[in-house]
Protein backbone atom coordinates (compact mmCIF):
# COMPACT_ATOMS: atom_id res chain seq x y z
CA MET A 1 103.95 102.39 151.96
CA GLU A 2 101.86 101.24 148.97
CA GLY A 3 99.27 103.94 149.61
CA HIS A 4 101.95 106.60 149.69
CA LEU A 5 103.48 105.38 146.41
CA GLU A 6 100.06 105.41 144.80
CA GLN A 7 99.65 108.98 145.98
CA VAL A 8 102.94 109.91 144.32
CA LEU A 9 101.93 108.14 141.11
CA GLU A 10 98.73 110.18 140.92
CA HIS A 11 100.92 113.10 139.85
CA TYR A 12 102.41 111.22 136.87
CA PRO A 13 100.89 109.89 133.63
CA LEU A 14 102.37 106.46 134.33
CA GLY A 15 99.35 104.27 134.93
CA GLN A 16 98.36 102.34 138.03
CA LEU A 17 100.76 100.74 140.50
CA THR A 18 100.93 96.94 140.20
CA SER A 19 104.04 96.13 142.29
CA PHE A 20 106.96 97.80 144.03
CA CYS A 21 110.12 97.05 145.97
CA ARG A 22 112.66 99.03 147.94
CA ILE A 23 116.09 99.18 146.30
CA GLU A 24 118.88 98.99 148.84
CA GLN A 25 121.52 101.02 147.04
CA GLY A 26 123.20 104.27 147.82
CA PHE A 27 123.61 105.81 151.25
CA VAL A 28 121.79 109.12 150.96
CA ASN A 29 118.46 108.93 149.14
CA GLU A 30 115.63 106.41 149.34
CA HIS A 31 115.02 104.40 146.14
CA TRP A 32 112.06 102.34 144.90
CA SER A 33 111.39 100.22 141.84
CA LEU A 34 107.80 100.66 140.70
CA THR A 35 105.93 98.57 138.16
CA THR A 36 102.76 100.12 136.75
CA THR A 37 100.34 99.38 133.97
CA GLU A 38 102.60 101.56 131.77
CA GLY A 39 105.95 99.95 132.57
CA ARG A 40 108.70 100.01 135.15
CA PHE A 41 110.09 103.13 136.81
CA PHE A 42 112.64 104.23 139.40
CA LEU A 43 111.49 106.54 142.19
CA LYS A 44 113.91 108.53 144.31
CA ARG A 45 112.95 110.33 147.52
CA LEU A 46 115.59 112.98 148.13
CA ASN A 47 117.41 113.23 151.41
CA PRO A 48 116.59 116.53 153.18
CA LEU A 49 120.27 117.50 152.93
CA LEU A 50 119.96 117.53 149.13
CA ARG A 51 116.80 119.61 148.91
CA GLN A 52 118.14 122.70 147.20
CA SER A 53 115.92 123.62 144.29
CA ASN A 54 118.67 125.34 142.28
CA LEU A 55 120.93 122.28 142.53
CA VAL A 56 118.19 119.79 141.67
CA SER A 57 117.20 121.94 138.71
CA ALA A 58 120.81 122.07 137.51
CA GLN A 59 121.16 118.29 137.88
CA HIS A 60 118.03 117.78 135.79
CA GLN A 61 119.38 120.21 133.19
CA LEU A 62 122.55 118.14 133.10
CA VAL A 63 120.62 114.92 132.47
CA ARG A 64 118.62 116.57 129.67
CA HIS A 65 121.84 117.90 128.13
CA LEU A 66 123.44 114.45 128.23
CA ARG A 67 120.41 112.78 126.69
CA GLY A 68 120.44 115.42 123.97
CA SER A 69 124.04 114.40 123.28
CA GLU A 70 122.96 110.73 123.05
CA PHE A 71 124.76 109.87 126.27
CA PRO A 72 123.07 107.01 128.22
CA ALA A 73 121.62 109.08 131.05
CA PRO A 74 118.18 108.05 132.38
CA ARG A 75 115.09 109.91 131.30
CA ILE A 76 113.53 111.89 134.15
CA MET A 77 109.76 111.49 133.93
CA PRO A 78 107.68 114.70 134.09
CA THR A 79 104.59 115.09 136.22
CA HIS A 80 101.19 115.93 134.76
CA ALA A 81 102.20 119.56 135.19
CA GLY A 82 105.44 119.00 133.26
CA HIS A 83 107.79 119.23 136.26
CA THR A 84 110.72 116.85 136.84
CA LEU A 85 110.68 117.49 140.60
CA LEU A 86 107.62 116.59 142.66
CA ILE A 87 107.19 118.15 146.11
CA LEU A 88 104.44 116.37 148.04
CA ASP A 89 103.75 116.61 151.77
CA ASN A 90 107.16 118.25 152.31
CA GLU A 91 108.90 115.35 150.56
CA TRP A 92 110.87 115.73 147.32
CA TYR A 93 110.62 113.08 144.60
CA GLU A 94 112.24 112.34 141.26
CA MET A 95 110.85 109.70 138.90
CA GLN A 96 113.06 108.11 136.25
CA GLU A 97 112.67 105.48 133.61
CA TYR A 98 113.96 102.14 134.87
CA ILE A 99 116.96 100.98 132.86
CA GLU A 100 117.13 97.22 132.59
CA GLY A 101 120.59 95.69 132.58
CA ASP A 102 123.44 94.08 134.44
CA SER A 103 125.84 95.36 137.05
CA TYR A 104 129.48 96.20 136.41
CA ASN A 105 131.71 93.13 136.53
CA HIS A 106 135.29 94.01 137.42
CA ASN A 107 136.49 90.63 136.16
CA ARG A 108 135.07 91.27 132.71
CA PRO A 109 137.70 93.17 130.66
CA ALA A 110 135.13 94.53 128.22
CA HIS A 111 133.24 96.14 131.13
CA PHE A 112 136.46 97.75 132.35
CA ARG A 113 137.25 99.19 128.90
CA GLU A 114 133.68 100.37 128.38
CA ALA A 115 133.68 102.14 131.76
CA ALA A 116 136.84 104.05 130.84
CA THR A 117 135.69 104.94 127.33
CA THR A 118 132.28 106.08 128.59
CA LEU A 119 133.86 108.40 131.16
CA GLY A 120 135.75 110.01 128.28
CA ARG A 121 132.49 110.33 126.35
CA TYR A 122 130.84 111.93 129.37
CA HIS A 123 133.59 114.53 129.68
CA THR A 124 133.29 115.32 125.99
CA CYS A 125 129.51 115.73 126.23
CA VAL A 126 129.58 118.11 129.21
CA GLU A 127 132.26 120.51 127.98
CA PRO A 128 129.76 123.16 126.78
CA PHE A 129 127.55 122.75 129.86
CA ALA A 130 128.22 124.99 132.88
CA PRO A 131 125.22 126.00 135.06
CA GLN A 132 126.08 128.42 137.82
CA ALA A 133 124.54 126.24 140.55
CA LEU A 134 127.06 123.48 139.87
CA ARG A 135 129.95 125.93 139.45
CA SER A 136 129.42 127.36 142.93
CA LEU A 137 129.75 124.13 144.92
CA GLY A 138 133.52 124.27 145.22
CA ASP A 139 136.18 121.61 144.80
CA LEU A 140 136.28 118.49 146.95
CA PHE A 141 139.95 117.63 146.67
CA THR A 142 142.02 120.70 147.47
CA PRO A 143 144.63 121.15 150.20
CA PRO A 144 142.36 123.49 152.25
CA VAL A 145 139.59 120.85 152.22
CA ILE A 146 142.09 118.15 153.20
CA ARG A 147 143.43 120.24 156.06
CA SER A 148 139.90 120.92 157.29
CA ASN A 149 139.18 117.19 157.25
CA LEU A 150 142.38 116.48 159.18
CA ASN A 151 141.59 119.17 161.78
CA ASN A 152 138.08 117.79 162.26
CA LEU A 153 139.50 114.34 162.82
CA ILE A 154 142.16 115.56 165.26
CA ASP A 155 139.51 117.43 167.25
CA ALA A 156 137.21 114.41 167.30
CA TRP A 157 139.97 112.09 168.48
CA GLY A 158 141.50 114.52 170.92
CA VAL A 159 144.92 114.05 169.36
CA ASP A 160 147.62 115.85 171.32
CA GLN A 161 151.37 115.65 171.75
CA GLU A 162 151.03 112.82 174.26
CA ARG A 163 149.38 110.44 171.82
CA LYS A 164 151.29 108.29 169.35
CA SER A 165 149.01 109.48 166.56
CA ALA A 166 150.30 113.05 166.98
CA ALA A 167 153.41 112.18 164.95
CA ALA A 168 151.38 110.79 162.05
CA ALA A 169 149.06 113.80 162.19
CA GLY A 170 152.09 116.08 162.05
CA ARG A 171 153.47 114.26 159.00
CA LEU A 172 150.12 114.60 157.28
CA SER A 173 149.96 118.30 158.11
CA THR A 174 153.41 118.81 156.57
CA GLU A 175 152.44 116.84 153.47
CA ILE A 176 149.28 118.91 153.04
CA SER A 177 151.45 122.03 153.02
CA HIS A 178 153.71 120.52 150.37
CA LEU A 179 150.68 119.47 148.33
CA ALA A 180 149.35 123.04 148.50
CA VAL A 181 152.55 124.31 146.92
CA ARG A 182 152.25 121.80 144.08
CA PHE A 183 148.54 122.58 143.62
CA ALA A 184 149.39 126.20 142.94
CA ALA A 185 150.68 125.03 139.55
CA HIS A 186 147.34 123.39 138.73
CA GLU A 187 145.13 126.48 138.73
CA THR A 188 144.71 126.52 134.93
CA LEU A 189 143.52 122.94 134.55
CA ARG A 190 140.52 122.22 132.33
CA GLN A 191 137.33 122.29 134.41
CA LEU A 192 133.90 120.89 133.64
CA VAL A 193 130.84 119.41 135.32
CA THR A 194 132.01 116.08 136.67
CA HIS A 195 129.60 113.23 137.32
CA GLY A 196 130.88 113.16 140.90
CA ASP A 197 130.25 109.48 141.63
CA TYR A 198 131.52 107.56 138.60
CA TYR A 199 132.03 104.00 139.77
CA GLY A 200 130.77 100.51 138.96
CA GLY A 201 127.60 100.82 141.04
CA ASN A 202 126.29 103.62 138.82
CA LEU A 203 126.88 101.83 135.52
CA ILE A 204 124.28 99.58 133.86
CA PHE A 205 125.32 97.14 131.14
CA ASP A 206 123.61 95.28 128.33
CA GLY A 207 126.21 92.68 127.53
CA ASP A 208 129.46 94.62 127.16
CA ARG A 209 127.81 97.95 126.39
CA ILE A 210 126.85 100.60 128.92
CA VAL A 211 123.16 101.47 128.55
CA GLY A 212 122.86 103.59 131.68
CA VAL A 213 124.98 105.96 133.73
CA VAL A 214 122.91 107.01 136.73
CA ASP A 215 123.01 109.14 139.92
CA TYR A 216 123.99 112.74 139.22
CA ASP A 217 123.42 113.98 142.78
CA LYS A 218 127.12 114.74 143.26
CA ALA A 219 127.72 116.51 139.95
CA ARG A 220 129.85 119.61 140.35
CA TRP A 221 132.25 121.92 138.52
CA GLN A 222 135.86 120.91 139.16
CA PRO A 223 139.03 119.93 137.27
CA ARG A 224 138.46 117.06 134.89
CA ILE A 225 141.58 115.31 136.18
CA ALA A 226 139.98 115.11 139.64
CA GLU A 227 137.34 112.76 138.28
CA VAL A 228 139.90 110.78 136.28
CA ALA A 229 141.90 110.32 139.50
CA GLU A 230 138.77 109.19 141.37
CA ALA A 231 137.93 106.72 138.61
CA LEU A 232 141.45 105.29 138.60
CA ILE A 233 141.30 104.81 142.36
CA TYR A 234 138.12 102.78 141.95
CA PHE A 235 138.81 100.87 138.72
CA ALA A 236 142.57 100.36 139.09
CA SER A 237 142.75 99.40 142.76
CA PRO A 238 143.00 95.83 144.08
CA ARG A 239 139.72 94.16 144.99
CA SER A 240 141.00 92.89 148.35
CA SER A 241 142.35 95.21 150.99
CA HIS A 242 145.61 95.37 152.90
CA LEU A 243 144.41 98.53 154.66
CA LYS A 244 142.17 98.05 157.69
CA HIS A 245 140.80 101.48 158.48
CA VAL A 246 140.60 103.70 155.37
CA VAL A 247 137.94 103.32 152.68
CA TYR A 248 140.44 102.41 149.97
CA PRO A 249 141.68 98.83 149.51
CA GLY A 250 145.27 99.69 148.65
CA PHE A 251 147.62 101.28 146.17
CA LEU A 252 146.93 101.52 142.44
CA GLU A 253 147.88 98.64 140.16
CA TRP A 254 149.91 99.59 137.11
CA GLN A 255 148.40 97.42 134.39
CA PRO A 256 144.76 98.42 135.09
CA LEU A 257 145.84 102.05 135.49
CA SER A 258 147.50 102.01 132.07
CA ARG A 259 144.60 100.22 130.38
CA PHE A 260 142.02 102.58 131.89
CA LEU A 261 143.87 105.67 130.68
CA GLU A 262 144.34 104.17 127.24
CA SER A 263 140.62 103.46 126.88
CA TYR A 264 139.67 106.84 128.34
CA SER A 265 141.99 108.59 125.89
CA GLN A 266 140.14 107.10 122.93
CA SER A 267 137.31 109.48 123.75
CA ARG A 268 139.13 112.43 125.30
CA PRO A 269 142.95 112.42 125.66
CA LEU A 270 144.41 114.16 128.68
CA GLU A 271 146.36 117.37 128.20
CA GLU A 272 150.02 117.62 129.19
CA ARG A 273 149.29 119.73 132.26
CA GLU A 274 146.60 117.27 133.37
CA ILE A 275 148.99 114.32 133.07
CA HIS A 276 151.51 116.11 135.30
CA ALA A 277 148.75 116.94 137.80
CA LEU A 278 147.47 113.36 138.00
CA PRO A 279 149.73 112.15 140.88
CA ASP A 280 148.79 115.14 143.02
CA PHE A 281 145.08 114.58 142.43
CA VAL A 282 145.34 110.87 143.21
CA GLU A 283 146.99 111.82 146.49
CA ALA A 284 144.44 114.57 147.14
CA VAL A 285 141.49 112.21 146.63
CA TRP A 286 143.05 109.60 148.88
CA LEU A 287 143.78 112.09 151.66
CA SER A 288 140.55 114.05 151.50
CA MET A 289 138.19 111.08 151.45
CA SER A 290 140.18 108.91 153.86
CA LEU A 291 140.22 111.61 156.53
CA LEU A 292 136.58 112.52 155.94
CA ARG A 293 135.37 108.92 156.22
CA LEU A 294 137.44 108.28 159.36
CA TRP A 295 135.80 111.32 160.94
CA GLU A 296 132.31 110.30 159.81
CA ARG A 297 132.74 106.75 161.09
CA GLY A 298 133.76 107.89 164.54
CA LEU A 299 136.59 105.35 164.75
CA ASP A 300 137.79 104.44 168.23
CA PRO A 301 140.68 106.85 169.01
CA ALA A 302 142.62 103.84 170.26
CA HIS A 303 143.15 102.95 166.60
CA SER A 304 143.91 106.51 165.52
CA ASN A 305 147.65 106.00 165.07
CA GLU A 306 147.21 102.90 162.90
CA ALA A 307 144.53 104.63 160.82
CA LEU A 308 146.59 107.78 160.26
CA GLU A 309 149.63 105.71 159.32
CA GLU A 310 147.54 104.09 156.61
CA VAL A 311 146.60 107.54 155.29
CA VAL A 312 150.27 108.51 155.37
CA SER A 313 151.15 105.38 153.39
CA LEU A 314 148.76 106.40 150.62
CA ALA A 315 150.34 109.85 150.40
CA GLU A 316 153.84 108.38 150.37
CA TRP A 317 152.94 105.92 147.60
CA ALA A 318 151.51 108.70 145.43
CA LYS A 319 154.64 110.81 145.85
CA ALA A 320 157.07 107.93 145.32
CA ASN A 321 155.29 106.86 142.14
CA ALA A 322 154.51 110.28 140.68
CA SER A 323 157.03 110.00 137.84
CA ARG A 324 155.76 106.59 136.84
CA MET A 325 152.15 107.79 136.81
CA VAL A 326 153.17 110.64 134.51
CA GLU A 327 154.98 108.21 132.21
CA VAL A 328 151.91 105.98 132.02
CA GLY A 329 149.76 109.03 131.29
CA HIS A 330 152.03 110.06 128.44
CA ALA A 331 152.04 106.56 126.97
CA ALA A 332 148.22 106.40 127.12
CA ALA A 333 147.89 109.76 125.37
CA ILE A 334 150.12 108.57 122.54
CA GLU A 335 148.25 105.29 121.99
C-alpha cells in the first residue's frame, strides 16, 4: 500500500511520505493518516457509491463556505493542478489537513454543551448556501421514505398474515399514514444544507472547544429540525440499550434533551413551527432509520416480531410525549 500512497502524494505539494496508518472509522469510505515531510494529513478514498462529481464538488463548496465563515471545517488540500478531487487509476481521493484533538466525551458536560452550540453555529453559517446538487437529493425522513423502508423489510422477511409480525407491521403501516397527515402541516419549515451525520464521532476537541467538524459526505438540503431531531436522538439518548434489535439504545432522556436545546438555541433558536414539528421528526428519524437498518442487516425473520415491536415502541413513545417535547422546546427558546 505504501507505494500506492506515494503515488497519490506525487499529485500534491505535501512533501515525501514518512509514515502512514489506516484509520478504522466510518463504514463507507477508506481513510488513511499520512505523515510527510510537510506535516500530517488525512486521505480519503471514496466509496464507488459516492462517486458523483456534482455531489463531491458541492460538498467541497460547502467546506470552503464554512471555512470562510470561520466554522471549524477541515481544509481540503488542493493538488498541484489546484483540484480538491484527485481521480487516479479509476479511484477517487480527497486529501484534508489532519486536525489534532480529542474525541467527544459524553460524560464531559462541556463537550455536550459545545456540541449543541456548534450545531447551532453550523446552521447559522449555512443559511445562505444552497447548491442545486445538494437540494436535489431529497429528504431522508418523510412518511413515503418510511413506508418504502417498511415495505422492503416486509418483502425481505416474507411477512404475511400467518406470521406474528404481521400485526406489528400493520400497526406501523397505520402509524405511517397518521404521520403523513401530520407532516402535511410541516411543508413550510425552514430548510438548509444539513451536515447529515452530526454526532460525536465527527467532532474533534481541544480541551472543551471543538476544533474540527468533519465528514460532509451526507450533507443534503432538508428541514433544519430534521437534523436537530437526529442530534437529540444521539446526544440525549441513554448510553446503554434496552432495545435489542434496532440501532437506537432507547427513548430520549428529558434533562439532556432540555440542555441540548438550550445550548443550541444560544446560536440559533428554533421557530415556533419547528418546535411543534420536533416530535414528528423524532418519530420519523426513529422509524426511517430503524426499518432501514433492520433491512440492511438481514435480521433472522424469526426475530421479526420482536424487532418490529421495538420500532412500534419508539413511535408510541414519540406520540405519547409530543406535548412534553414541545414544552421543552418552548422553554429552551425562551432561555
